[in-house]
Amino acid sequence: MRHLSTGLLIATLAFAVTTRADAHCQIPCGIYDDELRVQLIEEHVTTIEKSMNQIVALGKETPVNYNQLVRWINNKEEHAQEIQDLVADYFLCQRIKAPESREGTPWEQYVAQLTTLHQIEVAAMKAKQTTDLANVEALRSLIATFRTAYFGEAAGHSH
């Protein structure tokens, strides 16, 4: 029985160590670049847009190529999930910090950042659910709003 318990403990530890570390390790190592994270989100939006266009085009074909259709649907959903994961795991968990006081400009900036990040999460969810390109435009607009709220008014768009 003891060998079984030891084996179970080792298996549990191995699983815990190997599960999901792709967004960020959540250790304040300082090697990740905030601007690059925003650019990655923008790339995911572009991929979602292409996927939506492909889904619509493939849906009009006769006969419908369901294999390709499913692949594009999965691609769209995976990239929308990547946006949600980056926002939650990187910005919400690690980068956005509540100010000590609930008054003044720091608090207003904090609320603006949180609000915009939540709206990005919802827009990404809606992008999963539909092929409506309005959700892509909403994501782009919200990312621009977040860029300003996070980096400041003078933040440039560096592509």
N, C-alpha and C. Protein backbone atom coordinates (compact mmCIF):
# COMPACT_ATOMS: atom_id res chain seq x y z
N MET A 1 0.83 -1.19 0.00
CA MET A 1 0.00 0.00 0.00
C MET A 1 0.87 1.26 0.00
N ARG A 2 2.00 1.17 0.71
CA ARG A 2 2.88 2.33 0.77
C ARG A 2 3.47 2.66 -0.59
N HIS A 3 3.80 1.63 -1.38
CA HIS A 3 4.34 1.85 -2.73
C HIS A 3 3.30 2.51 -3.62
N LEU A 4 2.04 2.11 -3.44
CA LEU A 4 0.95 2.71 -4.22
C LEU A 4 0.80 4.18 -3.87
N SER A 5 0.86 4.53 -2.59
CA SER A 5 0.76 5.92 -2.16
C SER A 5 1.92 6.75 -2.69
N THR A 6 3.11 6.21 -2.63
CA THR A 6 4.28 6.91 -3.14
C THR A 6 4.16 7.13 -4.65
N GLY A 7 3.70 6.11 -5.35
CA GLY A 7 3.51 6.22 -6.79
C GLY A 7 2.47 7.26 -7.14
N LEU A 8 1.39 7.29 -6.40
CA LEU A 8 0.34 8.28 -6.62
C LEU A 8 0.85 9.68 -6.36
N LEU A 9 1.64 9.85 -5.32
CA LEU A 9 2.21 11.16 -5.01
C LEU A 9 3.14 11.62 -6.13
N ILE A 10 3.98 10.74 -6.63
CA ILE A 10 4.89 11.08 -7.71
C ILE A 10 4.10 11.45 -8.97
N ALA A 11 3.08 10.67 -9.28
CA ALA A 11 2.26 10.95 -10.47
C ALA A 11 1.55 12.30 -10.33
N THR A 12 1.05 12.58 -9.15
CA THR A 12 0.36 13.86 -8.92
C THR A 12 1.33 15.02 -9.07
N LEU A 13 2.51 14.90 -8.49
CA LEU A 13 3.52 15.96 -8.61
C LEU A 13 3.95 16.15 -10.06
N ALA A 14 4.14 15.06 -10.78
CA ALA A 14 4.53 15.16 -12.18
C ALA A 14 3.46 15.87 -12.98
N PHE A 15 2.20 15.56 -12.72
CA PHE A 15 1.09 16.22 -13.42
C PHE A 15 1.05 17.70 -13.07
N ALA A 16 1.23 18.02 -11.81
CA ALA A 16 1.18 19.42 -11.37
C ALA A 16 2.30 20.24 -12.01
N VAL A 17 3.46 19.64 -12.14
CA VAL A 17 4.60 20.35 -12.71
C VAL A 17 4.44 20.54 -14.22
N THR A 18 3.81 19.59 -14.89
CA THR A 18 3.73 19.64 -16.35
C THR A 18 2.47 20.31 -16.88
N THR A 19 1.54 20.70 -16.04
CA THR A 19 0.33 21.32 -16.55
C THR A 19 0.54 22.78 -16.85
N ARG A 20 -0.11 23.26 -17.81
CA ARG A 20 -0.23 24.60 -18.32
C ARG A 20 0.74 25.64 -17.77
N ALA A 21 1.82 25.84 -18.47
CA ALA A 21 2.75 26.89 -18.14
C ALA A 21 3.02 27.76 -19.36
N ASP A 22 2.09 27.73 -20.33
CA ASP A 22 2.38 28.42 -21.58
C ASP A 22 2.13 29.92 -21.55
N ALA A 23 1.23 30.42 -20.74
CA ALA A 23 0.98 31.86 -20.73
C ALA A 23 2.08 32.60 -19.98
N HIS A 24 2.43 32.10 -18.84
CA HIS A 24 3.50 32.68 -18.05
C HIS A 24 3.58 31.88 -16.75
N CYS A 25 4.73 31.82 -16.19
CA CYS A 25 4.94 30.98 -15.03
C CYS A 25 4.44 31.60 -13.73
N GLN A 26 4.04 32.85 -13.76
CA GLN A 26 3.55 33.59 -12.61
C GLN A 26 4.60 33.77 -11.51
N ILE A 27 5.83 33.77 -11.93
CA ILE A 27 6.94 34.14 -11.06
C ILE A 27 7.42 35.49 -11.57
N PRO A 28 7.61 36.46 -10.70
CA PRO A 28 7.99 37.81 -11.18
C PRO A 28 9.42 37.86 -11.70
N CYS A 29 9.64 37.22 -12.85
CA CYS A 29 11.00 37.13 -13.39
C CYS A 29 11.39 38.36 -14.20
N GLY A 30 10.39 39.09 -14.72
CA GLY A 30 10.67 40.30 -15.44
C GLY A 30 11.20 40.12 -16.85
N ILE A 31 11.09 38.92 -17.42
CA ILE A 31 11.62 38.71 -18.76
C ILE A 31 10.58 38.92 -19.85
N TYR A 32 9.32 39.05 -19.48
CA TYR A 32 8.27 39.23 -20.47
C TYR A 32 8.06 40.71 -20.75
N ASP A 33 7.76 41.02 -21.99
CA ASP A 33 7.60 42.39 -22.44
C ASP A 33 6.12 42.70 -22.62
N ASP A 34 5.62 43.71 -21.94
CA ASP A 34 4.20 44.05 -21.99
C ASP A 34 3.75 44.39 -23.41
N GLU A 35 4.54 45.17 -24.13
CA GLU A 35 4.17 45.54 -25.50
C GLU A 35 4.07 44.30 -26.38
N LEU A 36 4.97 43.38 -26.21
CA LEU A 36 4.93 42.15 -26.99
C LEU A 36 3.66 41.35 -26.70
N ARG A 37 3.24 41.33 -25.44
CA ARG A 37 1.99 40.62 -25.08
C ARG A 37 0.81 41.24 -25.83
N VAL A 38 0.77 42.57 -25.89
CA VAL A 38 -0.32 43.25 -26.61
C VAL A 38 -0.24 42.92 -28.10
N GLN A 39 0.95 42.89 -28.65
CA GLN A 39 1.11 42.53 -30.06
C GLN A 39 0.66 41.10 -30.32
N LEU A 40 0.93 40.19 -29.40
CA LEU A 40 0.47 38.82 -29.54
C LEU A 40 -1.05 38.76 -29.56
N ILE A 41 -1.69 39.53 -28.70
CA ILE A 41 -3.15 39.59 -28.70
C ILE A 41 -3.65 40.08 -30.05
N GLU A 42 -3.00 41.10 -30.59
CA GLU A 42 -3.40 41.63 -31.90
C GLU A 42 -3.23 40.58 -33.00
N GLU A 43 -2.17 39.79 -32.93
CA GLU A 43 -1.98 38.71 -33.91
C GLU A 43 -3.09 37.68 -33.80
N HIS A 44 -3.49 37.37 -32.59
CA HIS A 44 -4.60 36.43 -32.41
C HIS A 44 -5.88 36.98 -33.03
N VAL A 45 -6.10 38.27 -32.90
CA VAL A 45 -7.29 38.89 -33.50
C VAL A 45 -7.25 38.75 -35.02
N THR A 46 -6.11 38.98 -35.61
CA THR A 46 -5.97 38.84 -37.06
C THR A 46 -6.24 37.40 -37.50
N THR A 47 -5.77 36.44 -36.73
CA THR A 47 -6.01 35.04 -37.04
C THR A 47 -7.49 34.70 -36.90
N ILE A 48 -8.14 35.26 -35.89
CA ILE A 48 -9.58 35.05 -35.71
C ILE A 48 -10.34 35.60 -36.92
N GLU A 49 -9.94 36.78 -37.36
CA GLU A 49 -10.59 37.40 -38.52
C GLU A 49 -10.45 36.50 -39.76
N LYS A 50 -9.24 36.03 -40.02
CA LYS A 50 -9.02 35.15 -41.17
C LYS A 50 -9.84 33.87 -41.03
N SER A 51 -9.89 33.32 -39.84
CA SER A 51 -10.67 32.11 -39.60
C SER A 51 -12.15 32.35 -39.87
N MET A 52 -12.67 33.47 -39.39
CA MET A 52 -14.09 33.79 -39.63
C MET A 52 -14.38 33.88 -41.13
N ASN A 53 -13.50 34.55 -41.86
CA ASN A 53 -13.69 34.69 -43.30
C ASN A 53 -13.65 33.33 -43.99
N GLN A 54 -12.76 32.46 -43.57
CA GLN A 54 -12.67 31.12 -44.15
C GLN A 54 -13.91 30.29 -43.81
N ILE A 55 -14.40 30.41 -42.59
CA ILE A 55 -15.59 29.67 -42.18
C ILE A 55 -16.79 30.07 -43.05
N VAL A 56 -16.96 31.36 -43.24
CA VAL A 56 -18.07 31.85 -44.06
C VAL A 56 -17.92 31.36 -45.49
N ALA A 57 -16.72 31.46 -46.06
CA ALA A 57 -16.49 31.04 -47.44
C ALA A 57 -16.72 29.53 -47.60
N LEU A 58 -16.19 28.75 -46.69
CA LEU A 58 -16.34 27.29 -46.77
C LEU A 58 -17.80 26.86 -46.59
N GLY A 59 -18.54 27.61 -45.77
CA GLY A 59 -19.95 27.29 -45.55
C GLY A 59 -20.81 27.49 -46.78
N LYS A 60 -20.33 28.29 -47.73
CA LYS A 60 -21.08 28.57 -48.96
C LYS A 60 -20.77 27.57 -50.07
N GLU A 61 -19.72 26.78 -49.90
CA GLU A 61 -19.33 25.83 -50.95
C GLU A 61 -20.30 24.66 -51.02
N THR A 62 -20.42 24.11 -52.23
CA THR A 62 -21.23 22.91 -52.42
C THR A 62 -20.37 21.89 -53.13
N PRO A 63 -20.12 20.76 -52.56
CA PRO A 63 -20.49 20.37 -51.21
C PRO A 63 -19.58 21.05 -50.19
N VAL A 64 -20.05 21.15 -48.97
CA VAL A 64 -19.27 21.77 -47.90
C VAL A 64 -18.14 20.81 -47.51
N ASN A 65 -16.94 21.34 -47.42
CA ASN A 65 -15.79 20.57 -46.96
C ASN A 65 -15.76 20.68 -45.43
N TYR A 66 -16.44 19.75 -44.80
CA TYR A 66 -16.60 19.81 -43.35
C TYR A 66 -15.27 19.67 -42.61
N ASN A 67 -14.34 18.93 -43.17
CA ASN A 67 -13.03 18.78 -42.54
C ASN A 67 -12.36 20.15 -42.39
N GLN A 68 -12.28 20.89 -43.49
CA GLN A 68 -11.65 22.21 -43.43
C GLN A 68 -12.48 23.18 -42.59
N LEU A 69 -13.79 23.09 -42.68
CA LEU A 69 -14.66 23.96 -41.89
C LEU A 69 -14.40 23.78 -40.40
N VAL A 70 -14.34 22.54 -39.96
CA VAL A 70 -14.09 22.25 -38.54
C VAL A 70 -12.71 22.74 -38.13
N ARG A 71 -11.73 22.57 -39.00
CA ARG A 71 -10.38 23.03 -38.67
C ARG A 71 -10.35 24.55 -38.46
N TRP A 72 -11.04 25.31 -39.32
CA TRP A 72 -11.07 26.76 -39.16
C TRP A 72 -11.86 27.18 -37.93
N ILE A 73 -12.93 26.46 -37.63
CA ILE A 73 -13.69 26.76 -36.41
C ILE A 73 -12.81 26.53 -35.18
N ASN A 74 -12.12 25.40 -35.15
CA ASN A 74 -11.23 25.12 -34.03
C ASN A 74 -10.12 26.16 -33.92
N ASN A 75 -9.58 26.57 -35.06
CA ASN A 75 -8.53 27.58 -35.07
C ASN A 75 -9.03 28.89 -34.47
N LYS A 76 -10.21 29.31 -34.88
CA LYS A 76 -10.81 30.56 -34.37
C LYS A 76 -10.98 30.48 -32.86
N GLU A 77 -11.51 29.37 -32.39
CA GLU A 77 -11.76 29.23 -30.96
C GLU A 77 -10.46 29.15 -30.15
N GLU A 78 -9.47 28.49 -30.68
CA GLU A 78 -8.17 28.40 -29.98
C GLU A 78 -7.53 29.78 -29.83
N HIS A 79 -7.59 30.58 -30.88
CA HIS A 79 -6.97 31.90 -30.81
C HIS A 79 -7.77 32.85 -29.91
N ALA A 80 -9.08 32.72 -29.89
CA ALA A 80 -9.88 33.51 -28.96
C ALA A 80 -9.55 33.12 -27.52
N GLN A 81 -9.35 31.82 -27.29
CA GLN A 81 -8.98 31.35 -25.95
C GLN A 81 -7.59 31.87 -25.57
N GLU A 82 -6.68 31.94 -26.53
CA GLU A 82 -5.35 32.48 -26.25
C GLU A 82 -5.44 33.93 -25.79
N ILE A 83 -6.33 34.70 -26.41
CA ILE A 83 -6.54 36.09 -25.97
C ILE A 83 -7.02 36.09 -24.52
N GLN A 84 -8.02 35.28 -24.24
CA GLN A 84 -8.56 35.22 -22.88
C GLN A 84 -7.48 34.81 -21.88
N ASP A 85 -6.66 33.85 -22.25
CA ASP A 85 -5.61 33.38 -21.35
C ASP A 85 -4.54 34.46 -21.12
N LEU A 86 -4.13 35.13 -22.18
CA LEU A 86 -3.13 36.21 -22.02
C LEU A 86 -3.66 37.33 -21.13
N VAL A 87 -4.90 37.72 -21.37
CA VAL A 87 -5.49 38.79 -20.57
C VAL A 87 -5.57 38.37 -19.11
N ALA A 88 -6.08 37.18 -18.86
CA ALA A 88 -6.28 36.73 -17.48
C ALA A 88 -4.95 36.40 -16.79
N ASP A 89 -4.16 35.55 -17.42
CA ASP A 89 -2.94 35.04 -16.77
C ASP A 89 -1.83 36.08 -16.70
N TYR A 90 -1.74 36.92 -17.71
CA TYR A 90 -0.64 37.88 -17.72
C TYR A 90 -1.05 39.23 -17.14
N PHE A 91 -2.03 39.87 -17.77
CA PHE A 91 -2.36 41.23 -17.33
C PHE A 91 -3.14 41.25 -16.02
N LEU A 92 -4.20 40.47 -15.91
CA LEU A 92 -5.02 40.54 -14.69
C LEU A 92 -4.31 39.95 -13.48
N CYS A 93 -3.63 38.84 -13.65
CA CYS A 93 -2.97 38.21 -12.49
C CYS A 93 -1.66 38.86 -12.10
N GLN A 94 -0.93 39.39 -13.10
CA GLN A 94 0.43 39.80 -12.80
C GLN A 94 0.72 41.28 -12.96
N ARG A 95 0.13 41.91 -13.93
CA ARG A 95 0.58 43.27 -14.27
C ARG A 95 -0.29 44.37 -13.67
N ILE A 96 -1.58 44.19 -13.64
CA ILE A 96 -2.47 45.24 -13.15
C ILE A 96 -2.55 45.14 -11.63
N LYS A 97 -2.11 46.19 -10.97
CA LYS A 97 -2.07 46.20 -9.50
C LYS A 97 -3.01 47.27 -8.96
N ALA A 98 -3.75 46.91 -7.93
CA ALA A 98 -4.66 47.88 -7.30
C ALA A 98 -3.85 48.92 -6.53
N PRO A 99 -4.19 50.20 -6.72
CA PRO A 99 -3.50 51.23 -5.92
C PRO A 99 -3.95 51.16 -4.46
N GLU A 100 -3.18 51.77 -3.60
CA GLU A 100 -3.50 51.74 -2.17
C GLU A 100 -4.79 52.49 -1.87
N SER A 101 -5.02 53.56 -2.57
CA SER A 101 -6.20 54.39 -2.33
C SER A 101 -7.24 54.16 -3.42
N ARG A 102 -8.49 54.21 -3.03
CA ARG A 102 -9.58 54.07 -3.99
C ARG A 102 -10.04 55.43 -4.50
N GLU A 103 -9.15 56.36 -4.52
CA GLU A 103 -9.47 57.70 -4.98
C GLU A 103 -8.36 58.19 -5.90
N GLY A 104 -8.69 59.15 -6.73
CA GLY A 104 -7.69 59.83 -7.53
C GLY A 104 -7.37 59.13 -8.84
N THR A 105 -6.39 59.68 -9.53
CA THR A 105 -6.01 59.21 -10.86
C THR A 105 -5.54 57.75 -10.88
N PRO A 106 -4.70 57.31 -9.93
CA PRO A 106 -4.28 55.90 -9.98
C PRO A 106 -5.47 54.93 -9.93
N TRP A 107 -6.45 55.25 -9.09
CA TRP A 107 -7.64 54.39 -8.99
C TRP A 107 -8.44 54.43 -10.30
N GLU A 108 -8.59 55.60 -10.87
CA GLU A 108 -9.33 55.74 -12.12
C GLU A 108 -8.63 54.97 -13.25
N GLN A 109 -7.30 55.01 -13.29
CA GLN A 109 -6.55 54.25 -14.29
C GLN A 109 -6.73 52.75 -14.09
N TYR A 110 -6.69 52.34 -12.85
CA TYR A 110 -6.87 50.94 -12.50
C TYR A 110 -8.24 50.44 -12.96
N VAL A 111 -9.27 51.19 -12.65
CA VAL A 111 -10.63 50.81 -13.05
C VAL A 111 -10.76 50.80 -14.58
N ALA A 112 -10.17 51.77 -15.25
CA ALA A 112 -10.22 51.81 -16.71
C ALA A 112 -9.53 50.59 -17.31
N GLN A 113 -8.39 50.19 -16.75
CA GLN A 113 -7.67 49.02 -17.24
C GLN A 113 -8.48 47.75 -17.01
N LEU A 114 -9.00 47.59 -15.81
CA LEU A 114 -9.80 46.40 -15.49
C LEU A 114 -11.04 46.31 -16.38
N THR A 115 -11.71 47.43 -16.53
CA THR A 115 -12.93 47.46 -17.36
C THR A 115 -12.61 47.05 -18.79
N THR A 116 -11.56 47.61 -19.34
CA THR A 116 -11.21 47.31 -20.72
C THR A 116 -10.77 45.85 -20.87
N LEU A 117 -10.00 45.34 -19.94
CA LEU A 117 -9.59 43.94 -20.01
C LEU A 117 -10.79 43.01 -19.92
N HIS A 118 -11.75 43.35 -19.08
CA HIS A 118 -12.97 42.53 -19.00
C HIS A 118 -13.72 42.58 -20.32
N GLN A 119 -13.81 43.73 -20.93
CA GLN A 119 -14.48 43.86 -22.22
C GLN A 119 -13.76 43.06 -23.30
N ILE A 120 -12.44 43.01 -23.24
CA ILE A 120 -11.67 42.19 -24.19
C ILE A 120 -12.01 40.72 -23.99
N GLU A 121 -12.08 40.29 -22.75
CA GLU A 121 -12.45 38.90 -22.45
C GLU A 121 -13.81 38.56 -23.05
N VAL A 122 -14.78 39.44 -22.87
CA VAL A 122 -16.14 39.20 -23.38
C VAL A 122 -16.14 39.21 -24.91
N ALA A 123 -15.43 40.15 -25.52
CA ALA A 123 -15.38 40.21 -26.99
C ALA A 123 -14.72 38.95 -27.55
N ALA A 124 -13.70 38.45 -26.89
CA ALA A 124 -13.06 37.20 -27.34
C ALA A 124 -14.04 36.04 -27.22
N MET A 125 -14.83 36.02 -26.16
CA MET A 125 -15.84 34.99 -26.00
C MET A 125 -16.86 35.06 -27.14
N LYS A 126 -17.29 36.27 -27.47
CA LYS A 126 -18.26 36.43 -28.56
C LYS A 126 -17.65 36.03 -29.90
N ALA A 127 -16.35 36.25 -30.07
CA ALA A 127 -15.68 35.83 -31.29
C ALA A 127 -15.67 34.31 -31.42
N LYS A 128 -15.62 33.62 -30.28
CA LYS A 128 -15.72 32.17 -30.31
C LYS A 128 -17.09 31.73 -30.80
N GLN A 129 -18.11 32.45 -30.41
CA GLN A 129 -19.49 32.03 -30.62
C GLN A 129 -20.02 32.31 -32.02
N THR A 130 -19.40 33.22 -32.76
CA THR A 130 -19.96 33.67 -34.03
C THR A 130 -18.87 33.83 -35.08
N THR A 131 -19.32 34.21 -36.28
CA THR A 131 -18.40 34.65 -37.33
C THR A 131 -18.66 36.11 -37.65
N ASP A 132 -19.22 36.82 -36.71
CA ASP A 132 -19.54 38.24 -36.88
C ASP A 132 -18.26 39.06 -36.76
N LEU A 133 -17.86 39.70 -37.86
CA LEU A 133 -16.62 40.48 -37.86
C LEU A 133 -16.71 41.72 -36.96
N ALA A 134 -17.91 42.07 -36.51
CA ALA A 134 -18.04 43.17 -35.55
C ALA A 134 -17.30 42.83 -34.25
N ASN A 135 -17.21 41.56 -33.92
CA ASN A 135 -16.47 41.16 -32.72
C ASN A 135 -14.97 41.36 -32.91
N VAL A 136 -14.48 41.18 -34.12
CA VAL A 136 -13.07 41.45 -34.42
C VAL A 136 -12.80 42.94 -34.29
N GLU A 137 -13.69 43.75 -34.85
CA GLU A 137 -13.52 45.21 -34.75
C GLU A 137 -13.61 45.67 -33.30
N ALA A 138 -14.51 45.07 -32.53
CA ALA A 138 -14.60 45.41 -31.11
C ALA A 138 -13.30 45.08 -30.40
N LEU A 139 -12.72 43.90 -30.70
CA LEU A 139 -11.45 43.53 -30.09
C LEU A 139 -10.36 44.54 -30.44
N ARG A 140 -10.28 44.91 -31.70
CA ARG A 140 -9.24 45.87 -32.11
C ARG A 140 -9.41 47.20 -31.40
N SER A 141 -10.63 47.67 -31.31
CA SER A 141 -10.91 48.94 -30.64
C SER A 141 -10.57 48.86 -29.15
N LEU A 142 -10.96 47.76 -28.52
CA LEU A 142 -10.69 47.58 -27.10
C LEU A 142 -9.19 47.46 -26.82
N ILE A 143 -8.47 46.80 -27.70
CA ILE A 143 -7.02 46.67 -27.53
C ILE A 143 -6.37 48.05 -27.63
N ALA A 144 -6.83 48.87 -28.57
CA ALA A 144 -6.31 50.24 -28.69
C ALA A 144 -6.61 51.03 -27.43
N THR A 145 -7.81 50.86 -26.89
CA THR A 145 -8.20 51.54 -25.65
C THR A 145 -7.32 51.08 -24.49
N PHE A 146 -7.09 49.76 -24.42
CA PHE A 146 -6.24 49.24 -23.35
C PHE A 146 -4.81 49.73 -23.49
N ARG A 147 -4.32 49.76 -24.71
CA ARG A 147 -2.95 50.22 -24.96
C ARG A 147 -2.77 51.62 -24.36
N THR A 148 -3.73 52.51 -24.61
CA THR A 148 -3.66 53.87 -24.08
C THR A 148 -3.80 53.87 -22.56
N ALA A 149 -4.74 53.09 -22.04
CA ALA A 149 -4.96 53.05 -20.59
C ALA A 149 -3.75 52.46 -19.85
N TYR A 150 -3.07 51.53 -20.49
CA TYR A 150 -1.95 50.86 -19.83
C TYR A 150 -0.61 51.56 -20.03
N PHE A 151 -0.34 51.94 -21.26
CA PHE A 151 0.96 52.55 -21.57
C PHE A 151 0.94 54.07 -21.47
N GLY A 152 -0.23 54.66 -21.52
CA GLY A 152 -0.35 56.11 -21.46
C GLY A 152 -0.75 56.70 -22.80
N GLU A 153 -1.11 57.97 -22.78
CA GLU A 153 -1.60 58.66 -23.98
C GLU A 153 -0.59 58.65 -25.11
N ALA A 154 0.69 58.74 -24.80
CA ALA A 154 1.71 58.85 -25.83
C ALA A 154 2.13 57.48 -26.37
N ALA A 155 1.45 56.43 -25.93
CA ALA A 155 1.83 55.08 -26.36
C ALA A 155 1.68 54.95 -27.86
N GLY A 156 2.75 54.54 -28.48
CA GLY A 156 2.73 54.33 -29.92
C GLY A 156 2.40 52.89 -30.24
N HIS A 157 1.93 52.68 -31.43
CA HIS A 157 1.61 51.35 -31.89
C HIS A 157 2.81 50.87 -32.68
N SER A 158 3.52 49.91 -32.16
CA SER A 158 4.77 49.48 -32.80
C SER A 158 4.60 48.14 -33.48
N HIS A 159 4.38 48.16 -34.75
CA HIS A 159 4.35 46.93 -35.54
C HIS A 159 5.47 46.92 -36.50
